[in-house]
PDB file of N, CA and C in Angstrom:
ATOM      1  N   MET A   1     211.236 150.454  45.624  1.00  0.00           N
ATOM      2  CA  MET A   1     211.031 149.157  46.249  1.00  0.00           C
ATOM      3  C   MET A   1     210.018 149.277  47.320  1.00  0.00           C
ATOM      4  N   GLY A   2     209.148 148.311  47.464  1.00  0.00           N
ATOM      5  CA  GLY A   2     208.067 148.358  48.448  1.00  0.00           C
ATOM      6  C   GLY A   2     207.560 147.018  48.813  1.00  0.00           C
ATOM      7  N   VAL A   3     206.765 146.990  49.861  1.00  0.00           N
ATOM      8  CA  VAL A   3     206.153 145.719  50.355  1.00  0.00           C
ATOM      9  C   VAL A   3     204.694 145.863  50.302  1.00  0.00           C
ATOM     10  N   PHE A   4     204.016 144.856  49.862  1.00  0.00           N
ATOM     11  CA  PHE A   4     202.535 144.931  49.868  1.00  0.00           C
ATOM     12  C   PHE A   4     202.038 143.536  50.272  1.00  0.00           C
ATOM     13  N   THR A   5     200.768 143.543  50.847  1.00  0.00           N
ATOM     14  CA  THR A   5     200.204 142.310  51.301  1.00  0.00           C
ATOM     15  C   THR A   5     198.782 142.234  50.686  1.00  0.00           C
ATOM     16  N   SER A   6     198.390 141.072  50.262  1.00  0.00           N
ATOM     17  CA  SER A   6     197.036 140.876  49.732  1.00  0.00           C
ATOM     18  C   SER A   6     196.536 139.561  50.231  1.00  0.00           C
ATOM     19  N   SER A   7     195.216 139.456  50.501  1.00  0.00           N
ATOM     20  CA  SER A   7     194.643 138.250  51.016  1.00  0.00           C
ATOM     21  C   SER A   7     193.283 138.038  50.249  1.00  0.00           C
ATOM     22  N   ASP A   8     193.129 136.853  49.587  1.00  0.00           N
ATOM     23  CA  ASP A   8     191.926 136.416  48.943  1.00  0.00           C
ATOM     24  C   ASP A   8     191.626 135.005  49.269  1.00  0.00           C
ATOM     25  N   GLU A   9     190.397 134.647  49.121  1.00  0.00           N
ATOM     26  CA  GLU A   9     190.022 133.250  49.418  1.00  0.00           C
ATOM     27  C   GLU A   9     189.202 132.723  48.214  1.00  0.00           C
ATOM     28  N   TYR A  10     189.537 131.540  47.706  1.00  0.00           N
ATOM     29  CA  TYR A  10     188.857 130.975  46.557  1.00  0.00           C
ATOM     30  C   TYR A  10     188.611 129.497  46.798  1.00  0.00           C
ATOM     31  N   ILE A  11     187.562 128.950  46.184  1.00  0.00           N
ATOM     32  CA  ILE A  11     187.282 127.532  46.231  1.00  0.00           C
ATOM     33  C   ILE A  11     187.942 126.945  44.986  1.00  0.00           C
ATOM     34  N   CYS A  12     188.691 125.872  45.151  1.00  0.00           N
ATOM     35  CA  CYS A  12     189.423 125.261  44.074  1.00  0.00           C
ATOM     36  C   CYS A  12     189.456 123.753  44.247  1.00  0.00           C
ATOM     37  N   LEU A  13     189.371 123.059  43.123  1.00  0.00           N
ATOM     38  CA  LEU A  13     189.334 121.584  43.136  1.00  0.00           C
ATOM     39  C   LEU A  13     190.779 121.031  43.081  1.00  0.00           C
ATOM     40  N   ILE A  14     191.723 121.868  42.874  1.00  0.00           N
ATOM     41  CA  ILE A  14     193.172 121.424  42.860  1.00  0.00           C
ATOM     42  C   ILE A  14     193.657 121.140  44.297  1.00  0.00           C
ATOM     43  N   PRO A  15     194.328 120.067  44.563  1.00  0.00           N
ATOM     44  CA  PRO A  15     194.750 119.783  45.868  1.00  0.00           C
ATOM     45  C   PRO A  15     195.699 120.864  46.436  1.00  0.00           C
ATOM     46  N   PRO A  16     195.630 121.169  47.732  1.00  0.00           N
ATOM     47  CA  PRO A  16     196.418 122.289  48.267  1.00  0.00           C
ATOM     48  C   PRO A  16     197.940 122.153  48.042  1.00  0.00           C
ATOM     49  N   ALA A  17     198.460 120.945  48.137  1.00  0.00           N
ATOM     50  CA  ALA A  17     199.929 120.746  47.971  1.00  0.00           C
ATOM     51  C   ALA A  17     200.366 121.059  46.584  1.00  0.00           C
ATOM     52  N   ARG A  18     199.556 120.672  45.627  1.00  0.00           N
ATOM     53  CA  ARG A  18     199.862 120.977  44.239  1.00  0.00           C
ATOM     54  C   ARG A  18     199.812 122.472  43.867  1.00  0.00           C
ATOM     55  N   LEU A  19     198.735 123.130  44.401  1.00  0.00           N
ATOM     56  CA  LEU A  19     198.566 124.563  44.240  1.00  0.00           C
ATOM     57  C   LEU A  19     199.677 125.368  44.923  1.00  0.00           C
ATOM     58  N   PHE A  20     200.148 124.895  46.090  1.00  0.00           N
ATOM     59  CA  PHE A  20     201.260 125.571  46.788  1.00  0.00           C
ATOM     60  C   PHE A  20     202.500 125.441  45.961  1.00  0.00           C
ATOM     61  N   LYS A  21     202.796 124.255  45.427  1.00  0.00           N
ATOM     62  CA  LYS A  21     203.986 124.046  44.636  1.00  0.00           C
ATOM     63  C   LYS A  21     203.966 124.914  43.408  1.00  0.00           C
ATOM     64  N   ALA A  22     202.862 125.079  42.725  1.00  0.00           N
ATOM     65  CA  ALA A  22     202.830 125.904  41.519  1.00  0.00           C
ATOM     66  C   ALA A  22     202.877 127.397  41.865  1.00  0.00           C
ATOM     67  N   LEU A  23     202.204 127.881  42.849  1.00  0.00           N
ATOM     68  CA  LEU A  23     202.111 129.283  43.125  1.00  0.00           C
ATOM     69  C   LEU A  23     203.294 129.853  43.955  1.00  0.00           C
ATOM     70  N   VAL A  24     203.919 128.992  44.718  1.00  0.00           N
ATOM     71  CA  VAL A  24     205.023 129.444  45.588  1.00  0.00           C
ATOM     72  C   VAL A  24     206.361 128.931  45.168  1.00  0.00           C
ATOM     73  N   LEU A  25     206.473 127.612  45.078  1.00  0.00           N
ATOM     74  CA  LEU A  25     207.824 126.996  44.770  1.00  0.00           C
ATOM     75  C   LEU A  25     208.217 127.221  43.325  1.00  0.00           C
ATOM     76  N   ASP A  26     207.237 127.157  42.363  1.00  0.00           N
ATOM     77  CA  ASP A  26     207.497 127.276  40.962  1.00  0.00           C
ATOM     78  C   ASP A  26     207.022 128.579  40.380  1.00  0.00           C
ATOM     79  N   SER A  27     206.831 129.609  41.218  1.00  0.00           N
ATOM     80  CA  SER A  27     206.311 130.883  40.735  1.00  0.00           C
ATOM     81  C   SER A  27     207.243 131.565  39.738  1.00  0.00           C
ATOM     82  N   HIS A  28     208.517 131.377  39.924  1.00  0.00           N
ATOM     83  CA  HIS A  28     209.527 131.967  39.041  1.00  0.00           C
ATOM     84  C   HIS A  28     209.437 131.435  37.591  1.00  0.00           C
ATOM     85  N   ASN A  29     208.856 130.299  37.395  1.00  0.00           N
ATOM     86  CA  ASN A  29     208.585 129.725  36.086  1.00  0.00           C
ATOM     87  C   ASN A  29     207.170 130.035  35.618  1.00  0.00           C
ATOM     88  N   LEU A  30     206.278 130.003  36.448  1.00  0.00           N
ATOM     89  CA  LEU A  30     204.818 130.014  36.150  1.00  0.00           C
ATOM     90  C   LEU A  30     204.292 131.506  35.863  1.00  0.00           C
ATOM     91  N   ILE A  31     204.636 132.389  36.731  1.00  0.00           N
ATOM     92  CA  ILE A  31     204.104 133.798  36.648  1.00  0.00           C
ATOM     93  C   ILE A  31     204.508 134.481  35.348  1.00  0.00           C
ATOM     94  N   PRO A  32     205.770 134.431  34.848  1.00  0.00           N
ATOM     95  CA  PRO A  32     206.096 135.107  33.629  1.00  0.00           C
ATOM     96  C   PRO A  32     205.331 134.505  32.414  1.00  0.00           C
ATOM     97  N   LYS A  33     204.934 133.187  32.455  1.00  0.00           N
ATOM     98  CA  LYS A  33     204.189 132.584  31.420  1.00  0.00           C
ATOM     99  C   LYS A  33     202.691 132.976  31.483  1.00  0.00           C
ATOM    100  N   ILE A  34     202.170 133.154  32.604  1.00  0.00           N
ATOM    101  CA  ILE A  34     200.755 133.559  32.827  1.00  0.00           C
ATOM    102  C   ILE A  34     200.548 134.996  32.491  1.00  0.00           C
ATOM    103  N   MET A  35     201.499 135.884  32.934  1.00  0.00           N
ATOM    104  CA  MET A  35     201.343 137.260  32.801  1.00  0.00           C
ATOM    105  C   MET A  35     202.554 137.940  32.105  1.00  0.00           C
ATOM    106  N   PRO A  36     202.790 137.557  30.795  1.00  0.00           N
ATOM    107  CA  PRO A  36     203.974 138.114  30.094  1.00  0.00           C
ATOM    108  C   PRO A  36     203.877 139.575  29.824  1.00  0.00           C
ATOM    109  N   GLN A  37     202.640 140.145  29.861  1.00  0.00           N
ATOM    110  CA  GLN A  37     202.471 141.604  29.600  1.00  0.00           C
ATOM    111  C   GLN A  37     202.905 142.411  30.786  1.00  0.00           C
ATOM    112  N   ALA A  38     203.034 141.793  31.949  1.00  0.00           N
ATOM    113  CA  ALA A  38     203.409 142.516  33.187  1.00  0.00           C
ATOM    114  C   ALA A  38     204.699 142.082  33.777  1.00  0.00           C
ATOM    115  N   VAL A  39     205.008 140.816  33.743  1.00  0.00           N
ATOM    116  CA  VAL A  39     206.212 140.293  34.434  1.00  0.00           C
ATOM    117  C   VAL A  39     207.191 139.700  33.362  1.00  0.00           C
ATOM    118  N   LYS A  40     208.358 140.352  33.281  1.00  0.00           N
ATOM    119  CA  LYS A  40     209.397 139.902  32.315  1.00  0.00           C
ATOM    120  C   LYS A  40     210.002 138.607  32.763  1.00  0.00           C
ATOM    121  N   SER A  41     210.429 138.571  34.036  1.00  0.00           N
ATOM    122  CA  SER A  41     211.091 137.413  34.577  1.00  0.00           C
ATOM    123  C   SER A  41     211.150 137.465  36.088  1.00  0.00           C
ATOM    124  N   ILE A  42     211.430 136.317  36.724  1.00  0.00           N
ATOM    125  CA  ILE A  42     211.644 136.277  38.112  1.00  0.00           C
ATOM    126  C   ILE A  42     212.917 135.462  38.340  1.00  0.00           C
ATOM    127  N   GLU A  43     213.886 136.099  39.038  1.00  0.00           N
ATOM    128  CA  GLU A  43     215.152 135.452  39.307  1.00  0.00           C
ATOM    129  C   GLU A  43     215.335 135.180  40.772  1.00  0.00           C
ATOM    130  N   ILE A  44     215.931 133.998  41.098  1.00  0.00           N
ATOM    131  CA  ILE A  44     216.239 133.709  42.442  1.00  0.00           C
ATOM    132  C   ILE A  44     217.584 134.267  42.716  1.00  0.00           C
ATOM    133  N   ILE A  45     217.625 135.210  43.722  1.00  0.00           N
ATOM    134  CA  ILE A  45     218.857 135.983  44.080  1.00  0.00           C
ATOM    135  C   ILE A  45     219.584 135.263  45.158  1.00  0.00           C
ATOM    136  N   HIS A  46     218.913 134.722  46.118  1.00  0.00           N
ATOM    137  CA  HIS A  46     219.597 134.090  47.261  1.00  0.00           C
ATOM    138  C   HIS A  46     218.736 132.883  47.629  1.00  0.00           C
ATOM    139  N   GLY A  47     219.462 131.757  47.899  1.00  0.00           N
ATOM    140  CA  GLY A  47     218.801 130.541  48.298  1.00  0.00           C
ATOM    141  C   GLY A  47     218.414 129.750  47.039  1.00  0.00           C
ATOM    142  N   ASP A  48     217.543 128.725  47.256  1.00  0.00           N
ATOM    143  CA  ASP A  48     217.082 127.910  46.127  1.00  0.00           C
ATOM    144  C   ASP A  48     215.572 128.215  45.812  1.00  0.00           C
ATOM    145  N   GLY A  49     214.950 129.094  46.518  1.00  0.00           N
ATOM    146  CA  GLY A  49     213.582 129.351  46.259  1.00  0.00           C
ATOM    147  C   GLY A  49     212.622 128.444  47.006  1.00  0.00           C
ATOM    148  N   LYS A  50     213.156 127.481  47.715  1.00  0.00           N
ATOM    149  CA  LYS A  50     212.279 126.501  48.332  1.00  0.00           C
ATOM    150  C   LYS A  50     212.372 126.520  49.864  1.00  0.00           C
ATOM    151  N   VAL A  51     213.295 127.263  50.369  1.00  0.00           N
ATOM    152  CA  VAL A  51     213.489 127.401  51.852  1.00  0.00           C
ATOM    153  C   VAL A  51     213.220 128.863  52.308  1.00  0.00           C
ATOM    154  N   ALA A  52     212.966 128.939  53.592  1.00  0.00           N
ATOM    155  CA  ALA A  52     212.778 130.310  54.211  1.00  0.00           C
ATOM    156  C   ALA A  52     214.069 131.107  54.016  1.00  0.00           C
ATOM    157  N   GLY A  53     213.903 132.398  53.719  1.00  0.00           N
ATOM    158  CA  GLY A  53     215.021 133.208  53.512  1.00  0.00           C
ATOM    159  C   GLY A  53     215.469 133.361  52.111  1.00  0.00           C
ATOM    160  N   SER A  54     214.884 132.617  51.191  1.00  0.00           N
ATOM    161  CA  SER A  54     215.135 132.788  49.763  1.00  0.00           C
ATOM    162  C   SER A  54     214.673 134.123  49.334  1.00  0.00           C
ATOM    163  N   ILE A  55     215.419 134.727  48.398  1.00  0.00           N
ATOM    164  CA  ILE A  55     215.083 136.028  47.812  1.00  0.00           C
ATOM    165  C   ILE A  55     214.838 135.894  46.316  1.00  0.00           C
ATOM    166  N   LYS A  56     213.664 136.368  45.832  1.00  0.00           N
ATOM    167  CA  LYS A  56     213.339 136.363  44.443  1.00  0.00           C
ATOM    168  C   LYS A  56     213.112 137.781  44.006  1.00  0.00           C
ATOM    169  N   GLN A  57     213.734 138.115  42.805  1.00  0.00           N
ATOM    170  CA  GLN A  57     213.645 139.445  42.232  1.00  0.00           C
ATOM    171  C   GLN A  57     212.692 139.326  40.996  1.00  0.00           C
ATOM    172  N   ILE A  58     211.598 140.161  41.086  1.00  0.00           N
ATOM    173  CA  ILE A  58     210.611 140.176  40.046  1.00  0.00           C
ATOM    174  C   ILE A  58     210.959 141.337  39.117  1.00  0.00           C
ATOM    175  N   ASN A  59     211.178 141.050  37.791  1.00  0.00           N
ATOM    176  CA  ASN A  59     211.498 142.046  36.769  1.00  0.00           C
ATOM    177  C   ASN A  59     210.190 142.296  36.007  1.00  0.00           C
ATOM    178  N   VAL A  60     209.700 143.516  36.148  1.00  0.00           N
ATOM    179  CA  VAL A  60     208.463 143.851  35.442  1.00  0.00           C
ATOM    180  C   VAL A  60     208.785 144.433  34.019  1.00  0.00           C
ATOM    181  N   VAL A  61     207.776 144.341  33.123  1.00  0.00           N
ATOM    182  CA  VAL A  61     207.903 144.933  31.825  1.00  0.00           C
ATOM    183  C   VAL A  61     207.917 146.457  31.948  1.00  0.00           C
ATOM    184  N   GLN A  62     208.806 147.066  31.181  1.00  0.00           N
ATOM    185  CA  GLN A  62     208.930 148.519  31.204  1.00  0.00           C
ATOM    186  C   GLN A  62     207.557 149.222  30.924  1.00  0.00           C
ATOM    187  N   GLY A  63     207.178 150.151  31.745  1.00  0.00           N
ATOM    188  CA  GLY A  63     205.939 150.847  31.536  1.00  0.00           C
ATOM    189  C   GLY A  63     204.780 150.311  32.423  1.00  0.00           C
ATOM    190  N   MET A  64     205.085 149.282  33.162  1.00  0.00           N
ATOM    191  CA  MET A  64     204.019 148.720  34.090  1.00  0.00           C
ATOM    192  C   MET A  64     204.132 149.354  35.414  1.00  0.00           C
TER     193      MET A  64
END
């Protein structure tokens, strides 16, 4: 188990609120569909995934 941080900046025509909702609030649904070769599933362990303190478990594909 580890912690990593990454920072990138992109120009995007999608409104910030919609992008935040997709990438943060709905990431447990979106990421496994976008990257099925790497991410098997994302489960919300604690909280509802929309408030501070929520915990999400990322299950990666074996061998990744």
